[in-house]
N, C-alpha and C. Protein backbone atom coordinates (compact mmCIF):
# COMPACT_ATOMS: atom_id res chain seq x y z
N MET A 1 103.73 113.92 120.32
CA MET A 1 102.41 113.59 119.82
C MET A 1 102.23 114.06 118.10
N SER A 2 101.80 113.82 117.71
CA SER A 2 100.98 114.60 116.48
C SER A 2 99.66 114.73 116.98
N ALA A 3 98.99 115.99 116.10
CA ALA A 3 97.46 116.07 116.62
C ALA A 3 96.75 115.15 115.87
N PRO A 4 95.56 114.85 116.36
CA PRO A 4 94.52 114.04 115.25
C PRO A 4 94.18 114.36 114.40
N ALA A 5 93.78 113.46 113.20
CA ALA A 5 93.78 113.52 112.21
C ALA A 5 92.30 114.42 111.91
N SER A 6 92.12 115.46 111.11
CA SER A 6 90.47 115.71 111.15
C SER A 6 89.76 114.87 110.54
N PRO A 7 88.36 114.72 111.06
CA PRO A 7 87.59 113.42 110.36
C PRO A 7 87.37 113.81 109.00
N PRO A 8 86.95 112.26 108.43
CA PRO A 8 86.67 112.63 107.06
C PRO A 8 85.56 113.45 106.74
N GLU A 9 85.19 114.04 105.17
CA GLU A 9 84.11 114.86 104.83
C GLU A 9 83.24 113.97 104.81
N GLY A 10 81.65 114.62 105.05
CA GLY A 10 80.46 114.20 105.04
C GLY A 10 80.69 113.18 106.15
N GLY A 11 81.27 113.13 107.44
CA GLY A 11 80.90 112.38 108.76
C GLY A 11 81.38 113.21 109.58
N ALA A 12 80.98 112.69 110.37
CA ALA A 12 80.71 112.80 111.87
C ALA A 12 81.90 112.57 113.33
N GLY A 13 82.91 112.31 112.52
CA GLY A 13 84.03 111.88 113.14
C GLY A 13 84.05 110.51 113.30
N ALA A 14 84.49 109.70 114.32
CA ALA A 14 84.39 108.43 114.81
C ALA A 14 83.07 107.52 114.43
N PRO A 15 81.97 108.62 115.46
CA PRO A 15 80.71 107.62 115.44
C PRO A 15 80.34 107.75 113.91
N GLY A 16 80.44 108.90 113.08
CA GLY A 16 79.80 108.32 111.46
C GLY A 16 80.61 107.65 111.07
N VAL A 17 81.66 107.33 110.86
CA VAL A 17 82.72 106.31 110.23
C VAL A 17 82.17 105.04 110.68
N LEU A 18 82.11 104.62 112.18
CA LEU A 18 81.63 103.16 112.40
C LEU A 18 80.42 103.03 111.98
N ARG A 19 79.63 103.90 112.43
CA ARG A 19 78.38 104.10 111.72
C ARG A 19 78.18 103.46 110.02
N ARG A 20 78.81 104.55 109.16
CA ARG A 20 78.91 103.88 108.02
C ARG A 20 79.62 102.18 108.02
N LEU A 21 80.28 102.34 108.02
CA LEU A 21 81.05 100.65 108.27
C LEU A 21 79.95 99.91 108.82
N GLU A 22 79.58 100.02 109.58
CA GLU A 22 78.31 98.81 109.90
C GLU A 22 77.37 98.83 109.19
N ALA A 23 77.19 99.89 108.66
CA ALA A 23 75.98 99.63 107.52
C ALA A 23 76.76 99.27 106.28
N ALA A 24 77.60 99.44 105.62
CA ALA A 24 78.52 98.43 104.92
C ALA A 24 78.63 96.82 104.76
N ILE A 25 78.94 96.52 106.38
CA ILE A 25 79.47 95.38 106.58
C ILE A 25 77.89 94.75 106.40
N ALA A 26 76.62 95.12 107.03
CA ALA A 26 75.60 94.55 107.08
C ALA A 26 74.90 94.41 105.59
N ALA A 27 75.51 95.21 104.59
CA ALA A 27 74.43 95.22 103.57
C ALA A 27 75.42 94.18 102.67
N ARG A 28 76.76 93.75 102.81
CA ARG A 28 77.68 92.57 102.19
C ARG A 28 77.18 91.18 103.06
N LYS A 29 76.17 91.13 104.33
CA LYS A 29 75.79 89.83 104.65
C LYS A 29 75.71 88.82 103.94
N GLY A 30 74.71 89.24 102.74
CA GLY A 30 74.05 88.20 101.59
C GLY A 30 74.87 88.31 100.64
N ALA A 31 75.73 88.88 100.28
CA ALA A 31 76.53 89.05 99.09
C ALA A 31 77.24 87.64 98.81
N ASP A 32 77.89 88.00 97.73
CA ASP A 32 78.75 86.74 96.99
C ASP A 32 80.07 86.83 97.80
N PRO A 33 80.00 85.93 98.10
CA PRO A 33 81.77 85.84 98.63
C PRO A 33 83.15 85.88 97.95
N ALA A 34 82.62 85.39 96.69
CA ALA A 34 83.61 85.71 95.75
C ALA A 34 83.58 86.96 95.04
N VAL A 35 83.13 88.06 95.61
CA VAL A 35 83.17 89.33 95.00
C VAL A 35 83.35 90.58 96.50
N SER A 36 83.19 89.84 97.36
CA SER A 36 83.35 90.92 98.68
C SER A 36 83.60 90.20 99.89
N HIS A 37 84.93 90.68 100.02
CA HIS A 37 85.83 90.33 101.05
C HIS A 37 84.99 90.01 102.29
N THR A 38 84.11 91.45 102.77
CA THR A 38 83.50 91.25 104.15
C THR A 38 82.87 89.69 103.81
N ALA A 39 81.63 89.65 102.76
CA ALA A 39 80.76 88.36 102.79
C ALA A 39 81.56 87.33 102.91
N ALA A 40 82.86 87.29 102.88
CA ALA A 40 83.76 86.16 102.83
C ALA A 40 83.99 85.42 104.31
N LEU A 41 84.25 87.24 104.62
CA LEU A 41 84.13 86.68 106.05
C LEU A 41 82.93 86.22 106.89
N LEU A 42 82.33 86.63 106.61
CA LEU A 42 80.90 86.53 107.47
C LEU A 42 80.52 85.13 106.75
N ALA A 43 80.69 84.45 105.42
CA ALA A 43 80.28 83.65 105.23
C ALA A 43 80.99 82.17 105.63
N ARG A 44 82.24 82.70 106.71
CA ARG A 44 82.90 81.48 107.47
C ARG A 44 82.77 81.17 108.45
N GLY A 45 81.99 82.13 108.94
CA GLY A 45 81.30 81.89 110.50
C GLY A 45 81.69 82.72 111.63
N PRO A 46 80.97 83.11 112.79
CA PRO A 46 80.93 84.07 113.79
C PRO A 46 82.41 83.35 114.21
N GLY A 47 82.73 82.16 114.31
CA GLY A 47 84.19 81.56 115.36
C GLY A 47 85.09 82.15 114.57
N LYS A 48 84.97 81.95 113.01
CA LYS A 48 86.54 82.29 112.09
C LYS A 48 86.71 84.08 111.88
N CYS A 49 85.18 84.96 112.31
CA CYS A 49 85.57 86.43 112.66
C CYS A 49 85.89 86.53 113.98
N ALA A 50 85.86 85.93 114.66
CA ALA A 50 86.05 86.22 116.30
C ALA A 50 87.89 85.99 116.09
N GLU A 51 88.27 84.60 115.32
CA GLU A 51 89.48 84.48 115.10
C GLU A 51 90.31 85.70 114.40
N LYS A 52 89.79 86.04 113.56
CA LYS A 52 90.88 86.67 112.46
C LYS A 52 90.71 88.56 113.51
N PHE A 53 89.62 88.91 114.04
CA PHE A 53 89.34 90.14 114.84
C PHE A 53 90.57 89.52 115.92
N GLY A 54 91.24 88.69 116.93
CA GLY A 54 92.12 88.05 117.52
C GLY A 54 93.42 88.60 116.84
N GLU A 55 93.34 88.08 115.77
CA GLU A 55 94.99 88.20 114.94
C GLU A 55 95.29 89.76 115.03
N GLU A 56 94.10 90.40 114.12
CA GLU A 56 94.42 91.89 114.10
C GLU A 56 94.34 92.45 115.27
N ALA A 57 93.79 91.93 116.56
CA ALA A 57 94.41 92.70 117.71
C ALA A 57 95.94 92.20 118.42
N VAL A 58 95.64 91.14 117.65
CA VAL A 58 97.39 91.09 117.95
C VAL A 58 98.63 91.85 117.28
N GLU A 59 98.10 91.82 115.87
CA GLU A 59 99.05 92.75 115.53
C GLU A 59 99.03 94.17 115.83
N ALA A 60 97.94 94.53 116.26
CA ALA A 60 97.93 96.20 116.63
C ALA A 60 98.69 96.34 118.04
N ILE A 61 99.11 95.00 119.28
CA ILE A 61 99.49 94.99 120.45
C ILE A 61 100.83 95.21 119.64
N VAL A 62 101.51 94.40 118.96
CA VAL A 62 102.90 93.94 118.81
C VAL A 62 103.20 95.41 118.27
N ALA A 63 102.53 96.18 117.18
CA ALA A 63 102.74 97.76 117.05
C ALA A 63 102.91 98.35 117.84
N ALA A 64 101.93 98.51 118.89
CA ALA A 64 101.90 99.23 120.13
C ALA A 64 103.53 99.25 121.06
N ALA A 65 103.57 97.90 121.58
CA ALA A 65 104.49 97.76 121.73
C ALA A 65 105.99 97.97 121.38
N ALA A 66 106.01 98.16 120.20
CA ALA A 66 107.07 98.28 119.24
C ALA A 66 107.41 99.55 119.28
N GLY A 67 106.36 100.61 119.40
CA GLY A 67 106.35 101.75 119.43
C GLY A 67 106.19 102.28 117.85
N ASP A 68 105.75 101.50 117.16
CA ASP A 68 105.36 101.85 115.37
C ASP A 68 104.19 102.80 115.36
N ARG A 69 104.18 103.87 115.42
CA ARG A 69 102.82 105.07 115.42
C ARG A 69 101.86 104.51 114.13
N ALA A 70 102.64 104.98 113.43
CA ALA A 70 101.99 104.24 111.96
C ALA A 70 101.33 103.08 111.84
N ASN A 71 102.09 102.28 111.91
CA ASN A 71 101.53 100.63 112.08
C ASN A 71 100.40 100.53 112.92
N LEU A 72 100.45 101.27 114.36
CA LEU A 72 99.43 101.15 115.53
C LEU A 72 98.37 101.44 115.00
N VAL A 73 98.75 102.83 114.24
CA VAL A 73 97.10 103.56 113.54
C VAL A 73 96.67 102.74 112.64
N TYR A 74 97.37 101.81 112.07
CA TYR A 74 96.89 100.84 110.22
C TYR A 74 96.58 99.68 110.75
N GLU A 75 97.21 99.10 112.01
CA GLU A 75 96.46 97.93 112.71
C GLU A 75 95.31 98.38 113.34
N SER A 76 94.85 99.16 114.14
CA SER A 76 93.85 99.62 114.75
C SER A 76 92.60 99.80 113.93
N ALA A 77 93.05 100.39 112.85
CA ALA A 77 91.68 100.43 111.93
C ALA A 77 91.41 98.89 111.41
N ASP A 78 92.19 98.24 111.51
CA ASP A 78 92.04 97.16 111.16
C ASP A 78 91.29 96.23 112.40
N VAL A 79 91.51 96.47 113.44
CA VAL A 79 90.96 96.08 114.64
C VAL A 79 89.68 96.16 114.91
N LEU A 80 89.13 97.85 114.38
CA LEU A 80 87.75 97.94 114.44
C LEU A 80 87.08 97.70 113.36
N TYR A 81 87.45 97.80 112.30
CA TYR A 81 86.64 96.76 111.05
C TYR A 81 86.50 95.35 111.22
N HIS A 82 87.07 94.46 112.29
CA HIS A 82 87.53 92.86 112.29
C HIS A 82 86.17 93.09 113.64
N MET A 83 86.14 94.13 114.40
CA MET A 83 85.67 93.83 115.43
C MET A 83 83.80 94.25 115.01
N LEU A 84 83.72 94.95 114.13
CA LEU A 84 82.37 95.16 113.76
C LEU A 84 82.00 93.80 112.95
N VAL A 85 82.79 93.25 112.23
CA VAL A 85 82.44 92.16 111.69
C VAL A 85 82.05 91.25 112.48
N MET A 86 83.14 91.05 113.42
CA MET A 86 82.64 90.01 114.41
C MET A 86 81.16 90.41 115.05
N LEU A 87 81.04 91.67 115.43
CA LEU A 87 79.71 91.72 115.87
C LEU A 87 78.20 91.19 115.08
N ALA A 88 78.75 91.88 114.06
CA ALA A 88 77.33 91.72 113.06
C ALA A 88 77.31 90.31 112.44
N ALA A 89 78.79 89.16 112.65
CA ALA A 89 78.66 87.97 112.50
C ALA A 89 77.64 87.21 113.63
N ARG A 90 77.46 87.93 115.03
CA ARG A 90 76.91 87.61 116.35
C ARG A 90 75.31 88.60 116.47
N ASP A 91 75.15 89.27 115.23
CA ASP A 91 73.49 90.17 115.48
C ASP A 91 74.29 90.84 116.64
N VAL A 92 75.15 91.78 116.64
CA VAL A 92 75.09 92.25 117.57
C VAL A 92 75.45 93.66 117.06
N ALA A 93 74.59 94.94 117.16
CA ALA A 93 74.90 96.54 117.04
C ALA A 93 75.80 97.17 117.71
N LEU A 94 76.27 98.19 116.81
CA LEU A 94 77.10 99.02 116.96
C LEU A 94 76.72 99.95 117.99
N ASP A 95 75.76 99.94 118.50
CA ASP A 95 74.67 100.91 119.44
C ASP A 95 74.35 99.69 120.85
N GLU A 96 74.26 98.72 120.78
CA GLU A 96 74.67 97.84 121.84
C GLU A 96 75.62 98.25 122.69
N VAL A 97 76.72 97.89 121.72
CA VAL A 97 78.43 98.43 122.70
C VAL A 97 78.45 100.06 123.05
N LEU A 98 77.77 100.85 122.06
CA LEU A 98 77.78 102.36 122.38
C LEU A 98 77.53 102.18 123.92
N ALA A 99 75.72 101.84 123.91
CA ALA A 99 75.27 101.93 125.22
C ALA A 99 75.88 101.44 126.65
N GLU A 100 76.48 100.31 126.00
CA GLU A 100 77.10 99.68 127.23
C GLU A 100 78.41 100.57 127.89
N LEU A 101 79.02 101.30 126.77
CA LEU A 101 79.93 102.31 127.09
C LEU A 101 79.39 103.53 127.87
N ALA A 102 78.38 104.18 127.05
CA ALA A 102 77.72 104.99 128.04
C ALA A 102 77.15 104.58 129.69
N ARG A 103 76.64 103.54 129.87
CA ARG A 103 76.53 102.74 131.15
C ARG A 103 77.26 103.27 131.96
N ARG A 104 78.58 103.09 131.53
CA ARG A 104 79.89 102.61 132.32
C ARG A 104 80.62 104.21 132.45
N GLU A 105 80.08 105.28 131.67
CA GLU A 105 80.58 106.63 132.12
C GLU A 105 80.45 107.14 133.03
N GLY A 106 81.74 107.31 134.17
CA GLY A 106 81.28 108.05 135.23
C GLY A 106 81.32 107.32 136.06
N VAL A 107 81.37 105.69 136.15
CA VAL A 107 81.63 104.80 137.01
C VAL A 107 83.04 104.60 137.56
N SER A 108 83.42 104.65 138.42
CA SER A 108 84.65 103.89 138.89
C SER A 108 85.09 102.78 138.40
N GLY A 109 86.08 103.00 137.55
CA GLY A 109 86.75 101.32 137.88
C GLY A 109 86.50 99.96 138.81
N VAL A 110 87.07 100.69 139.62
CA VAL A 110 86.69 99.91 140.94
C VAL A 110 85.21 99.68 141.49
N ALA A 111 84.88 100.61 141.53
CA ALA A 111 83.41 100.27 141.78
C ALA A 111 83.13 99.18 140.65
N GLU A 112 82.82 99.66 139.40
CA GLU A 112 82.39 99.10 138.13
C GLU A 112 82.77 97.46 138.34
N LYS A 113 83.93 97.35 138.56
CA LYS A 113 84.05 95.70 138.71
C LYS A 113 83.80 95.20 139.69
N ALA A 114 83.61 96.10 140.79
CA ALA A 114 83.32 95.42 142.30
C ALA A 114 81.61 95.25 142.15
N ALA A 115 81.09 95.60 141.18
CA ALA A 115 79.49 95.31 140.91
C ALA A 115 79.18 94.57 140.26
N ARG A 116 80.26 93.97 139.03
CA ARG A 116 80.03 92.91 138.46
C ARG A 116 79.71 91.64 138.94
N LYS A 117 78.71 91.10 138.52
CA LYS A 117 78.50 89.59 138.50
C LYS A 117 78.97 88.91 138.27
N PRO A 118 79.52 87.31 139.24
CA PRO A 118 80.94 86.74 138.42
C PRO A 118 79.73 85.59 136.96
N ARG A 119 80.86 85.60 136.55
CA ARG A 119 80.54 84.72 135.24
C ARG A 119 80.89 83.59 135.26
């Protein structure tokens, strides 16, 4: 396994990159779909944003199953982007997702699942 890539300049690693990407997506919410790919995705509605996220997730799964590390990295970046677009389409902030992850920290997976309310 190779060493992880260094964080990009001007960023604080993953959280900084994701927050900047979230801000860029939010800024394009009302943009012209003819000039912004993100605006075009958002204009198609939350259902289409979710569908696109699913397509990208499947591509990452295929890359992982094939053992194609470079493609897995590439497709995973698409997954993160499309997840943020999907969240924006439903007005869910990245901080809400991060708060849920923080809430789960240190909780046993078995205990956490047992404590879940049935849906």
